[in-house]
Protein backbone atom coordinates (compact mmCIF):
# COMPACT_ATOMS: atom_id res chain seq x y z
CA MET A 1 22.03 12.77 -0.78
CA LEU A 2 18.45 12.45 -1.98
CA LYS A 3 17.20 13.69 -5.35
CA LEU A 4 14.42 16.22 -5.91
CA GLY A 5 11.10 14.68 -6.95
CA TYR A 6 7.59 15.90 -7.68
CA ASN A 7 4.23 14.12 -7.46
CA GLU A 8 1.48 15.52 -9.68
CA ALA A 9 -1.10 15.29 -6.90
CA THR A 10 0.36 18.59 -5.67
CA THR A 11 -1.23 20.56 -8.54
CA LYS A 12 -3.64 17.99 -9.95
CA GLU A 13 -6.63 20.36 -9.89
CA ASN A 14 -4.93 23.34 -11.54
CA SER A 15 -2.31 21.94 -13.89
CA SER A 16 -1.67 19.27 -16.54
CA VAL A 17 1.00 16.76 -17.46
CA GLU A 18 2.29 19.12 -20.15
CA GLN A 19 2.60 22.02 -17.72
CA ASP A 20 4.04 19.93 -14.89
CA LEU A 21 6.79 18.59 -17.15
CA ILE A 22 7.85 22.08 -18.24
CA LEU A 23 7.72 23.57 -14.74
CA CYS A 24 9.51 20.68 -13.04
CA GLU A 25 12.28 20.91 -15.61
CA LYS A 26 12.48 24.69 -15.09
CA TYR A 27 12.83 24.43 -11.31
CA GLY A 28 15.39 21.66 -11.28
CA TYR A 29 13.42 18.58 -10.28
CA ASP A 30 15.20 15.33 -11.06
CA TYR A 31 12.15 13.06 -11.15
CA ILE A 32 8.38 13.24 -11.56
CA GLU A 33 5.64 10.90 -10.39
CA LEU A 34 2.90 10.99 -13.03
CA ARG A 35 -0.76 10.49 -12.10
CA LEU A 36 -2.70 7.95 -14.13
CA ASP A 37 -5.84 10.10 -14.33
CA MET A 38 -3.83 13.05 -15.65
CA LEU A 39 -1.96 10.76 -18.05
CA LYS A 40 -5.22 9.54 -19.58
CA LYS A 41 -6.19 13.15 -20.27
CA TYR A 42 -2.73 13.87 -21.70
CA LEU A 43 -3.00 10.90 -24.05
CA GLY A 44 -6.19 12.33 -25.47
CA SER A 45 -4.09 14.79 -27.47
CA HIS A 46 -0.54 13.42 -27.17
CA SER A 47 1.22 10.09 -27.68
CA LEU A 48 3.43 7.98 -25.48
CA THR A 49 6.17 8.57 -28.05
CA GLU A 50 5.95 12.32 -27.37
CA LEU A 51 6.15 11.68 -23.65
CA ARG A 52 9.15 9.38 -24.04
CA ASP A 53 10.87 11.92 -26.33
CA PHE A 54 10.44 14.60 -23.67
CA PHE A 55 12.18 12.50 -21.05
CA ASP A 56 14.89 11.46 -23.51
CA SER A 57 15.72 15.10 -24.25
CA HIS A 58 15.44 16.64 -20.76
CA HIS A 59 17.00 16.27 -17.33
CA LEU A 60 13.64 15.37 -15.71
CA LYS A 61 12.92 11.63 -15.61
CA PRO A 62 9.83 9.53 -14.72
CA PHE A 63 9.90 7.67 -11.42
CA ALA A 64 6.58 6.22 -10.23
CA LEU A 65 3.06 6.10 -11.63
CA ASN A 66 0.33 6.97 -9.12
CA SER A 67 -1.58 4.98 -8.24
CA ILE A 68 -3.44 1.70 -8.18
CA GLU A 69 -5.82 1.99 -5.24
CA GLN A 70 -8.35 -0.17 -3.38
CA ILE A 71 -6.34 -3.33 -4.10
CA ASN A 72 -7.77 -5.39 -1.22
CA PHE A 73 -10.95 -7.47 -0.93
CA GLN A 74 -12.22 -6.75 -4.43
CA ASP A 75 -15.15 -8.58 -6.00
CA GLU A 76 -14.77 -9.98 -9.52
CA LYS A 77 -15.98 -6.80 -11.25
CA GLY A 78 -13.77 -4.56 -9.15
CA TRP A 79 -10.76 -6.79 -9.65
CA ASN A 80 -11.21 -6.86 -13.42
CA GLU A 81 -11.39 -3.05 -13.50
CA LEU A 82 -8.30 -2.81 -11.30
CA VAL A 83 -6.34 -5.19 -13.56
CA LYS A 84 -7.36 -3.17 -16.61
CA LEU A 85 -6.02 0.06 -15.07
CA PHE A 86 -2.92 -1.70 -13.78
CA THR A 87 -2.17 -3.16 -17.22
CA PHE A 88 -2.52 0.32 -18.73
CA ALA A 89 -0.03 1.59 -16.14
CA CYS A 90 2.38 -1.21 -17.01
CA GLU A 91 2.16 -0.38 -20.71
CA VAL A 92 2.87 3.30 -20.02
CA ALA A 93 5.71 2.46 -17.65
CA GLU A 94 7.40 0.22 -20.21
CA ALA A 95 7.01 2.82 -22.98
CA ILE A 96 8.64 5.67 -21.01
CA SER A 97 11.09 3.63 -18.88
CA ASN A 98 9.26 4.41 -15.66
CA PRO A 99 10.51 2.00 -12.96
CA TYR A 100 7.70 1.91 -10.37
CA ILE A 101 3.94 1.77 -9.97
CA ILE A 102 2.58 2.70 -6.55
CA VAL A 103 -0.16 0.42 -5.19
CA VAL A 104 -2.37 1.38 -2.26
CA PRO A 105 -4.49 -0.66 0.19
CA THR A 106 -8.25 -0.44 0.37
CA MET A 107 -10.05 2.37 2.19
CA THR A 108 -13.48 2.16 3.80
CA ASP A 109 -15.82 4.97 4.91
CA THR A 110 -15.24 4.12 8.56
CA TYR A 111 -12.41 2.45 10.44
CA ASN A 112 -11.15 -0.71 8.77
CA GLN A 113 -13.02 -3.76 10.10
CA LYS A 114 -10.69 -6.46 8.76
CA ASN A 115 -8.24 -8.00 11.21
CA GLU A 116 -4.53 -7.86 10.54
CA GLN A 117 -4.23 -11.50 9.49
CA GLU A 118 -6.98 -11.07 6.90
CA VAL A 119 -5.26 -7.98 5.55
CA PHE A 120 -1.91 -9.74 5.50
CA GLU A 121 -3.16 -12.78 3.58
CA ASP A 122 -5.19 -10.79 1.06
CA THR A 123 -2.44 -8.23 0.37
CA VAL A 124 0.25 -10.87 -0.11
CA GLU A 125 -1.98 -12.69 -2.61
CA VAL A 126 -2.87 -9.50 -4.50
CA LEU A 127 0.72 -8.23 -4.71
CA ILE A 128 1.88 -11.58 -6.10
CA GLN A 129 -0.86 -11.49 -8.73
CA LEU A 130 -0.02 -7.91 -9.73
CA SER A 131 3.68 -8.76 -9.79
CA ASP A 132 2.94 -11.60 -12.21
CA ILE A 133 1.21 -9.10 -14.52
CA ALA A 134 3.96 -6.47 -14.21
CA ARG A 135 7.01 -8.67 -14.72
CA PRO A 136 6.82 -8.93 -18.54
CA TYR A 137 6.78 -5.11 -18.66
CA GLY A 138 9.87 -4.75 -16.45
CA VAL A 139 8.08 -2.58 -13.88
CA LYS A 140 8.17 -2.85 -10.07
CA LEU A 141 5.41 -2.38 -7.47
CA SER A 142 5.85 -0.02 -4.53
CA PHE A 143 3.28 -0.74 -1.81
CA GLU A 144 2.27 2.33 0.22
CA PRO A 145 0.65 1.92 3.65
CA ILE A 146 -1.78 4.75 4.46
CA GLY A 147 -1.62 5.89 8.09
CA ASP A 148 -5.30 6.74 8.47
CA LYS A 149 -7.21 3.90 10.16
CA ARG A 150 -9.77 3.87 7.33
CA TRP A 151 -7.15 2.08 5.23
CA CYS A 152 -6.68 -1.61 5.92
CA CYS A 153 -2.86 -1.43 5.99
CA ASN A 154 -1.81 1.63 7.93
CA SER A 155 1.67 1.11 9.35
CA GLN A 156 5.19 0.70 8.01
CA ARG A 157 5.62 -2.31 10.29
CA GLN A 158 2.58 -4.06 8.84
CA ALA A 159 3.54 -3.17 5.25
CA LEU A 160 7.07 -4.50 5.70
CA GLU A 161 5.77 -7.82 7.03
CA ILE A 162 3.62 -8.10 3.91
CA ILE A 163 6.49 -7.20 1.56
CA ASN A 164 8.81 -9.68 3.26
CA ALA A 165 6.21 -12.42 2.87
CA VAL A 166 5.78 -11.64 -0.84
CA ASP A 167 9.56 -11.97 -1.12
CA ARG A 168 9.98 -10.74 -4.69
CA ASP A 169 12.65 -8.35 -5.88
CA ASP A 170 10.08 -6.39 -7.88
CA VAL A 171 7.79 -5.69 -4.89
CA GLY A 172 8.88 -3.07 -2.38
CA ILE A 173 7.60 -0.31 -0.15
CA THR A 174 6.86 3.43 -0.15
CA VAL A 175 7.62 5.61 2.86
CA ASP A 176 5.39 8.70 2.97
CA CYS A 177 5.92 11.30 5.70
CA ILE A 178 2.28 12.05 6.48
CA ASN A 179 1.22 8.41 6.28
CA PHE A 180 3.98 7.54 8.72
CA TYR A 181 2.89 10.40 10.99
CA MET A 182 -0.84 9.61 10.80
CA HIS A 183 -0.34 6.14 12.26
CA ASP A 184 1.24 7.09 15.58
CA LYS A 185 2.68 10.60 15.11
CA GLY A 186 5.91 9.05 13.90
CA ALA A 187 6.72 7.26 17.16
CA ASP A 188 7.97 4.06 15.53
CA ILE A 189 10.87 5.53 13.54
CA ALA A 190 12.70 2.20 13.99
CA SER A 191 10.21 0.57 11.62
CA ILE A 192 11.70 2.58 8.75
CA ARG A 193 15.25 1.57 9.64
CA LYS A 194 14.20 -2.08 9.43
CA ILE A 195 13.33 -1.79 5.73
CA PRO A 196 16.06 -3.47 3.65
CA LYS A 197 17.72 -1.10 1.20
CA GLU A 198 16.59 -3.18 -1.76
CA LYS A 199 12.95 -2.99 -0.60
CA LEU A 200 12.66 0.79 -0.10
CA PHE A 201 11.53 1.92 -3.54
CA VAL A 202 9.87 5.35 -3.06
CA TYR A 203 10.01 8.21 -0.55
CA HIS A 204 7.27 10.89 -0.39
CA ILE A 205 8.05 14.13 1.41
CA ASN A 206 5.34 16.35 2.88
CA ASP A 207 4.30 18.07 6.10
CA CYS A 208 0.93 18.62 7.75
CA ASP A 209 -1.04 20.93 9.99
CA ASP A 210 -0.81 20.23 13.72
CA LEU A 211 -4.17 18.51 14.16
CA PRO A 212 -5.23 15.52 16.29
CA LEU A 213 -5.05 12.07 14.73
CA GLY A 214 -8.51 11.14 13.53
CA VAL A 215 -9.13 14.75 12.52
CA LEU A 216 -6.00 15.13 10.40
CA ASP A 217 -6.66 14.32 6.75
CA HIS A 218 -4.69 14.28 3.51
CA SER A 219 -6.07 17.68 2.52
CA ASP A 220 -4.13 19.04 5.54
CA ARG A 221 -0.79 18.35 3.86
CA ILE A 222 1.48 21.37 3.62
CA MET A 223 4.91 22.30 2.29
CA PRO A 224 7.81 20.56 4.07
CA GLY A 225 9.03 22.51 7.07
CA LEU A 226 5.75 24.35 7.75
CA GLY A 227 3.99 21.76 9.89
CA ALA A 228 4.13 19.16 12.65
CA ILE A 229 6.08 16.27 11.07
CA ASP A 230 9.69 15.57 12.04
CA ILE A 231 10.89 15.45 8.43
CA PRO A 232 14.61 15.51 9.35
CA ALA A 233 14.16 12.31 11.41
CA ILE A 234 12.23 10.50 8.67
CA SER A 235 14.64 11.64 5.96
CA ALA A 236 17.57 10.55 8.09
CA ALA A 237 16.00 7.12 8.58
CA VAL A 238 15.48 6.50 4.85
CA LYS A 239 19.06 7.63 4.20
CA GLU A 240 20.34 5.26 6.91
CA VAL A 241 18.65 2.41 5.08
CA GLY A 242 20.67 3.38 2.02
CA TYR A 243 17.95 5.02 -0.03
CA ASP A 244 19.37 7.70 -2.33
CA GLY A 245 16.48 8.19 -4.76
CA PRO A 246 14.09 11.14 -4.97
CA ALA A 247 12.17 12.69 -2.13
CA CYS A 248 8.94 13.25 -4.08
CA LEU A 249 6.77 16.14 -2.92
CA GLU A 250 3.17 14.90 -2.65
CA LEU A 251 0.48 17.27 -1.40
CA PHE A 252 -3.32 17.35 -1.73
CA ARG A 253 -3.97 20.78 -0.25
CA PRO A 254 -6.99 22.66 -1.68
CA GLU A 255 -5.28 25.98 -0.98
CA TYR A 256 -2.50 25.05 -3.40
CA TYR A 257 -5.05 24.17 -6.08
CA GLN A 258 -6.13 27.83 -6.03
CA MET A 259 -2.58 29.07 -6.65
CA ASP A 260 -0.61 29.45 -9.86
CA PRO A 261 0.93 25.98 -10.48
CA GLU A 262 4.30 27.57 -11.20
CA GLU A 263 4.33 29.19 -7.76
CA VAL A 264 3.45 25.88 -6.07
CA ILE A 265 6.14 23.96 -7.96
CA ARG A 266 8.74 26.67 -7.27
CA LEU A 267 7.92 26.79 -3.56
CA GLY A 268 7.89 22.99 -3.41
CA ALA A 269 11.42 22.79 -4.82
CA GLU A 270 12.68 25.37 -2.32
CA ALA A 271 11.01 23.67 0.64
CA SER A 272 12.07 20.11 -0.30
CA ARG A 273 15.72 20.89 -1.03
CA LYS A 274 16.36 21.57 2.65
CA TYR A 275 15.88 17.87 3.40
CA LEU A 276 17.82 16.25 0.56
């Protein structure tokens, strides 16, 4: 059975770390994925000690920090900025015993123009470099392919080939329902079953409106069970691999940003539990 998880993207425009912690605890979530941008705001008036004390005294636990993005094909300035943010994430993760940091491939304004070999070589190199930075902090990297063709790595198959080439026990993969769906409408379910148990670090649960690929965007995410994605099939596949961690609800829907955060978090728990 999977655990109940929450990703702060779901209410990032109308809530805060403080509020998300209280509401996730209230509605029975087991884990939370904290957003780095929201964490920086939280740390303007709170300390990491306060955050750690919350987790030490409550059922809710940290799971993955979100996210380090645009990791591919960076120039020197961009890379230095990325490493600075990543090091901050590692320091936070170590302080609160958060096991994973999610890392995301680079997005362009139009379809990715890099060929698959270029993406493979660059991503392997970058993940090894980030792993070298993260190891002293005891934190692992979970690489998340993004199904939209604007991102340079957009399939589970491609991501797994990269992770296997990196071949480190602290570098694994994220399966995200809409990202899996956006690549080929979820046709290649076998690609999930090929992920070794020890490499499947994070599972994101979400649904989406029934829109054509190429039109469908991340703002079209919706509560699990209300859209076009075969969530039972994807959930079954991650369970077959042996994954028994949290199914973390991750939505970016503007409609939900207009709602009371408590209502969104309550509805999210009810919708997600059906698939645990």
